Amino acid sequence: MKRLIHEMIELLRAQVKKNLEIINYNEEIIRKLSDHPESARLMETYQKHYTENKTLITENNDFANLQLTLMNFLKKYKHSSLLNDTFSLDEVNLKDDPEYVFELTISGKIPYNSSHPFFESPDFFCQLLDHFQRTEQYEKCQELIELKQKKEKAS
């Protein structure tokens, strides 16, 4: 859900930017038209662009308010289980696609703990450690090493 809200915020931000580009374009046309106020046709065009700008500004205000509301929501409820994109292992056929399980693990959708389907696999552990080293996620490396040490002490 968190990912969807972030995507929505980005879409709203992009729409606001697009609207501002149209507003700036329309204002340029309005400035050019204002040099010839005696023409009825020009005044009609002026009014059309002015009305469009007014509508876009209202839309931008609504979009900006929605973005702010969503960002405040994310900040306030960032630790809520509702927002955490969890993944059920029941949805994955481990035998058919172990690489997919790896992708889900490195993305955090499947936690690497004693319940992980490859928790006992030294190869999987090394693959994870190698990935986090290559991507310079050293805190993840430290977590894996500590998890491994706990497991060895428990054995």
C-alpha atoms as a PDB file:
ATOM      1  CA  MET A   1       0.000   0.000   0.000  1.00  0.00           C
ATOM      2  CA  LYS A   2       2.889   2.337   0.812  1.00  0.00           C
ATOM      3  CA  ARG A   3       4.257   1.841  -2.700  1.00  0.00           C
ATOM      4  CA  LEU A   4       0.861   2.679  -4.209  1.00  0.00           C
ATOM      5  CA  ILE A   5       0.571   5.863  -2.169  1.00  0.00           C
ATOM      6  CA  HIS A   6       4.087   6.905  -3.219  1.00  0.00           C
ATOM      7  CA  GLU A   7       3.161   6.231  -6.848  1.00  0.00           C
ATOM      8  CA  MET A   8      -0.004   8.285  -6.424  1.00  0.00           C
ATOM      9  CA  ILE A   9       1.994  11.167  -4.949  1.00  0.00           C
ATOM     10  CA  GLU A  10       4.374  11.047  -7.924  1.00  0.00           C
ATOM     11  CA  LEU A  11       1.479  10.984 -10.409  1.00  0.00           C
ATOM     12  CA  LEU A  12      -0.111  13.968  -8.680  1.00  0.00           C
ATOM     13  CA  ARG A  13       3.223  15.798  -8.692  1.00  0.00           C
ATOM     14  CA  ALA A  14       3.634  15.112 -12.414  1.00  0.00           C
ATOM     15  CA  GLN A  15       0.119  16.357 -13.132  1.00  0.00           C
ATOM     16  CA  VAL A  16       0.754  19.555 -11.171  1.00  0.00           C
ATOM     17  CA  LYS A  17       3.947  20.107 -13.176  1.00  0.00           C
ATOM     18  CA  LYS A  18       2.096  19.514 -16.456  1.00  0.00           C
ATOM     19  CA  ASN A  19      -0.657  21.906 -15.398  1.00  0.00           C
ATOM     20  CA  LEU A  20       1.916  24.574 -14.541  1.00  0.00           C
ATOM     21  CA  GLU A  21       3.475  24.212 -17.980  1.00  0.00           C
ATOM     22  CA  ILE A  22       0.056  24.745 -19.584  1.00  0.00           C
ATOM     23  CA  ILE A  23      -0.602  27.711 -17.303  1.00  0.00           C
ATOM     24  CA  ASN A  24       2.714  29.308 -18.283  1.00  0.00           C
ATOM     25  CA  TYR A  25       1.990  28.693 -21.964  1.00  0.00           C
ATOM     26  CA  ASN A  26      -1.485  30.193 -21.600  1.00  0.00           C
ATOM     27  CA  GLU A  27      -0.119  33.213 -19.759  1.00  0.00           C
ATOM     28  CA  GLU A  28       2.322  33.817 -22.600  1.00  0.00           C
ATOM     29  CA  ILE A  29      -0.572  33.749 -25.069  1.00  0.00           C
ATOM     30  CA  ILE A  30      -2.566  36.071 -22.814  1.00  0.00           C
ATOM     31  CA  ARG A  31       0.349  38.529 -22.684  1.00  0.00           C
ATOM     32  CA  LYS A  32       0.572  38.509 -26.473  1.00  0.00           C
ATOM     33  CA  LEU A  33      -3.188  38.961 -26.800  1.00  0.00           C
ATOM     34  CA  SER A  34      -3.252  41.838 -24.360  1.00  0.00           C
ATOM     35  CA  ASP A  35      -1.295  43.902 -26.915  1.00  0.00           C
ATOM     36  CA  HIS A  36      -4.420  43.812 -29.155  1.00  0.00           C
ATOM     37  CA  PRO A  37      -7.454  44.239 -26.835  1.00  0.00           C
ATOM     38  CA  GLU A  38      -9.650  45.723 -29.590  1.00  0.00           C
ATOM     39  CA  SER A  39     -10.100  42.377 -31.349  1.00  0.00           C
ATOM     40  CA  ALA A  40     -13.195  40.448 -30.216  1.00  0.00           C
ATOM     41  CA  ARG A  41     -11.692  37.196 -31.434  1.00  0.00           C
ATOM     42  CA  LEU A  42      -8.555  37.822 -29.433  1.00  0.00           C
ATOM     43  CA  MET A  43     -10.590  38.629 -26.327  1.00  0.00           C
ATOM     44  CA  GLU A  44     -12.527  35.370 -26.761  1.00  0.00           C
ATOM     45  CA  THR A  45      -9.255  33.462 -26.952  1.00  0.00           C
ATOM     46  CA  TYR A  46      -7.992  35.393 -23.957  1.00  0.00           C
ATOM     47  CA  GLN A  47     -11.075  34.415 -21.959  1.00  0.00           C
ATOM     48  CA  LYS A  48     -10.696  30.751 -22.970  1.00  0.00           C
ATOM     49  CA  HIS A  49      -7.100  30.626 -21.758  1.00  0.00           C
ATOM     50  CA  TYR A  50      -7.907  32.573 -18.616  1.00  0.00           C
ATOM     51  CA  THR A  51     -10.723  30.147 -17.754  1.00  0.00           C
ATOM     52  CA  GLU A  52      -8.498  27.148 -18.434  1.00  0.00           C
ATOM     53  CA  ASN A  53      -5.789  28.589 -16.174  1.00  0.00           C
ATOM     54  CA  LYS A  54      -8.296  29.209 -13.417  1.00  0.00           C
ATOM     55  CA  THR A  55      -9.494  25.592 -13.648  1.00  0.00           C
ATOM     56  CA  LEU A  56      -5.926  24.248 -13.678  1.00  0.00           C
ATOM     57  CA  ILE A  57      -4.946  26.357 -10.672  1.00  0.00           C
ATOM     58  CA  THR A  58      -7.917  24.989  -8.736  1.00  0.00           C
ATOM     59  CA  GLU A  59      -6.945  21.452  -9.794  1.00  0.00           C
ATOM     60  CA  ASN A  60      -3.332  22.049  -8.749  1.00  0.00           C
ATOM     61  CA  ASN A  61      -4.483  23.273  -5.333  1.00  0.00           C
ATOM     62  CA  ASP A  62      -6.565  20.119  -4.893  1.00  0.00           C
ATOM     63  CA  PHE A  63      -3.688  17.896  -6.059  1.00  0.00           C
ATOM     64  CA  ALA A  64      -1.189  19.654  -3.802  1.00  0.00           C
ATOM     65  CA  ASN A  65      -3.537  19.291  -0.831  1.00  0.00           C
ATOM     66  CA  LEU A  66      -4.001  15.591  -1.592  1.00  0.00           C
ATOM     67  CA  GLN A  67      -0.218  15.123  -1.886  1.00  0.00           C
ATOM     68  CA  LEU A  68       0.292  16.843   1.468  1.00  0.00           C
ATOM     69  CA  THR A  69      -2.432  14.738   3.076  1.00  0.00           C
ATOM     70  CA  LEU A  70      -0.926  11.518   1.716  1.00  0.00           C
ATOM     71  CA  MET A  71       2.604  12.468   2.790  1.00  0.00           C
ATOM     72  CA  ASN A  72       1.365  13.343   6.288  1.00  0.00           C
ATOM     73  CA  PHE A  73      -0.524  10.048   6.392  1.00  0.00           C
ATOM     74  CA  LEU A  74       2.615   8.125   5.416  1.00  0.00           C
ATOM     75  CA  LYS A  75       4.664   9.985   8.012  1.00  0.00           C
ATOM     76  CA  LYS A  76       2.124   9.434  10.771  1.00  0.00           C
ATOM     77  CA  TYR A  77       1.415   5.766  10.046  1.00  0.00           C
ATOM     78  CA  LYS A  78       4.767   4.670   8.597  1.00  0.00           C
ATOM     79  CA  HIS A  79       5.007   1.744  11.004  1.00  0.00           C
ATOM     80  CA  SER A  80       1.454   0.542  10.485  1.00  0.00           C
ATOM     81  CA  SER A  81       1.131  -3.031   9.255  1.00  0.00           C
ATOM     82  CA  LEU A  82      -1.486  -1.795   6.804  1.00  0.00           C
ATOM     83  CA  LEU A  83       1.154   0.194   4.919  1.00  0.00           C
ATOM     84  CA  ASN A  84       3.834  -2.457   4.887  1.00  0.00           C
ATOM     85  CA  ASP A  85       3.784  -4.342   1.624  1.00  0.00           C
ATOM     86  CA  THR A  86       3.955  -7.854   2.963  1.00  0.00           C
ATOM     87  CA  PHE A  87       3.956 -10.914   0.830  1.00  0.00           C
ATOM     88  CA  SER A  88       2.536 -14.311   1.523  1.00  0.00           C
ATOM     89  CA  LEU A  89       4.758 -17.285   0.802  1.00  0.00           C
ATOM     90  CA  ASP A  90       1.606 -19.171  -0.123  1.00  0.00           C
ATOM     91  CA  GLU A  91       1.560 -17.097  -3.315  1.00  0.00           C
ATOM     92  CA  VAL A  92       4.979 -18.365  -4.430  1.00  0.00           C
ATOM     93  CA  ASN A  93       5.867 -21.778  -5.791  1.00  0.00           C
ATOM     94  CA  LEU A  94       9.378 -22.129  -4.403  1.00  0.00           C
ATOM     95  CA  LYS A  95      10.284 -25.036  -6.642  1.00  0.00           C
ATOM     96  CA  ASP A  96       9.379 -23.227  -9.852  1.00  0.00           C
ATOM     97  CA  ASP A  97      11.100 -19.912  -9.248  1.00  0.00           C
ATOM     98  CA  PRO A  98      13.781 -19.647  -6.522  1.00  0.00           C
ATOM     99  CA  GLU A  99      15.131 -16.465  -8.154  1.00  0.00           C
ATOM    100  CA  TYR A 100      11.756 -14.850  -7.560  1.00  0.00           C
ATOM    101  CA  VAL A 101      12.043 -15.753  -3.876  1.00  0.00           C
ATOM    102  CA  PHE A 102      15.485 -14.110  -3.872  1.00  0.00           C
ATOM    103  CA  GLU A 103      14.019 -10.929  -5.414  1.00  0.00           C
ATOM    104  CA  LEU A 104      11.223 -10.895  -2.848  1.00  0.00           C
ATOM    105  CA  THR A 105      13.775 -11.352  -0.074  1.00  0.00           C
ATOM    106  CA  ILE A 106      16.127  -8.550  -1.152  1.00  0.00           C
ATOM    107  CA  SER A 107      13.166  -6.219  -1.643  1.00  0.00           C
ATOM    108  CA  GLY A 108      12.024  -6.974   1.915  1.00  0.00           C
ATOM    109  CA  LYS A 109       8.716  -8.513   0.915  1.00  0.00           C
ATOM    110  CA  ILE A 110       9.773 -11.822   2.431  1.00  0.00           C
ATOM    111  CA  PRO A 111      11.728 -11.343   5.652  1.00  0.00           C
ATOM    112  CA  TYR A 112      14.894 -13.371   5.988  1.00  0.00           C
ATOM    113  CA  ASN A 113      14.419 -15.135   9.315  1.00  0.00           C
ATOM    114  CA  SER A 114      13.987 -18.643  10.682  1.00  0.00           C
ATOM    115  CA  SER A 115      10.676 -18.943   8.783  1.00  0.00           C
ATOM    116  CA  HIS A 116      12.286 -18.160   5.429  1.00  0.00           C
ATOM    117  CA  PRO A 117      12.187 -21.149   3.052  1.00  0.00           C
ATOM    118  CA  PHE A 118      15.947 -20.873   2.375  1.00  0.00           C
ATOM    119  CA  PHE A 119      17.041 -19.903   5.879  1.00  0.00           C
ATOM    120  CA  GLU A 120      19.034 -23.128   6.221  1.00  0.00           C
ATOM    121  CA  SER A 121      20.668 -22.786   2.809  1.00  0.00           C
ATOM    122  CA  PRO A 122      24.303 -21.575   3.029  1.00  0.00           C
ATOM    123  CA  ASP A 123      24.251 -20.801  -0.706  1.00  0.00           C
ATOM    124  CA  PHE A 124      21.217 -18.557  -0.329  1.00  0.00           C
ATOM    125  CA  PHE A 125      22.825 -16.805   2.652  1.00  0.00           C
ATOM    126  CA  CYS A 126      26.009 -16.162   0.633  1.00  0.00           C
ATOM    127  CA  GLN A 127      23.973 -14.924  -2.321  1.00  0.00           C
ATOM    128  CA  LEU A 128      22.131 -12.464  -0.045  1.00  0.00           C
ATOM    129  CA  LEU A 129      25.316 -11.285   1.622  1.00  0.00           C
ATOM    130  CA  ASP A 130      26.998 -10.821  -1.751  1.00  0.00           C
ATOM    131  CA  HIS A 131      24.047  -8.817  -3.080  1.00  0.00           C
ATOM    132  CA  PHE A 132      24.001  -6.487  -0.083  1.00  0.00           C
ATOM    133  CA  GLN A 133      27.778  -5.992  -0.308  1.00  0.00           C
ATOM    134  CA  ARG A 134      27.594  -5.144  -4.025  1.00  0.00           C
ATOM    135  CA  THR A 135      24.759  -2.681  -3.420  1.00  0.00           C
ATOM    136  CA  GLU A 136      26.613  -1.221  -0.430  1.00  0.00           C
ATOM    137  CA  GLN A 137      23.798  -2.001   2.001  1.00  0.00           C
ATOM    138  CA  TYR A 138      26.183  -2.671   4.836  1.00  0.00           C
ATOM    139  CA  GLU A 139      23.545  -2.486   7.563  1.00  0.00           C
ATOM    140  CA  LYS A 140      21.786  -5.418   5.860  1.00  0.00           C
ATOM    141  CA  CYS A 141      25.103  -7.293   5.751  1.00  0.00           C
ATOM    142  CA  GLN A 142      25.500  -6.712   9.477  1.00  0.00           C
ATOM    143  CA  GLU A 143      21.951  -7.972  10.132  1.00  0.00           C
ATOM    144  CA  LEU A 144      22.657 -11.150   8.153  1.00  0.00           C
ATOM    145  CA  ILE A 145      25.922 -11.792   9.984  1.00  0.00           C
ATOM    146  CA  GLU A 146      24.272 -11.270  13.368  1.00  0.00           C
ATOM    147  CA  LEU A 147      21.421 -13.593  12.361  1.00  0.00           C
ATOM    148  CA  LYS A 148      23.948 -16.230  11.284  1.00  0.00           C
ATOM    149  CA  GLN A 149      25.851 -15.879  14.597  1.00  0.00           C
ATOM    150  CA  LYS A 150      22.626 -16.256  16.613  1.00  0.00           C
ATOM    151  CA  LYS A 151      21.774 -19.392  14.650  1.00  0.00           C
ATOM    152  CA  GLU A 152      25.240 -20.874  15.258  1.00  0.00           C
ATOM    153  CA  LYS A 153      25.062 -20.107  19.006  1.00  0.00           C
ATOM    154  CA  ALA A 154      21.642 -21.761  19.212  1.00  0.00           C
ATOM    155  CA  SER A 155      22.950 -24.913  17.498  1.00  0.00           C
END
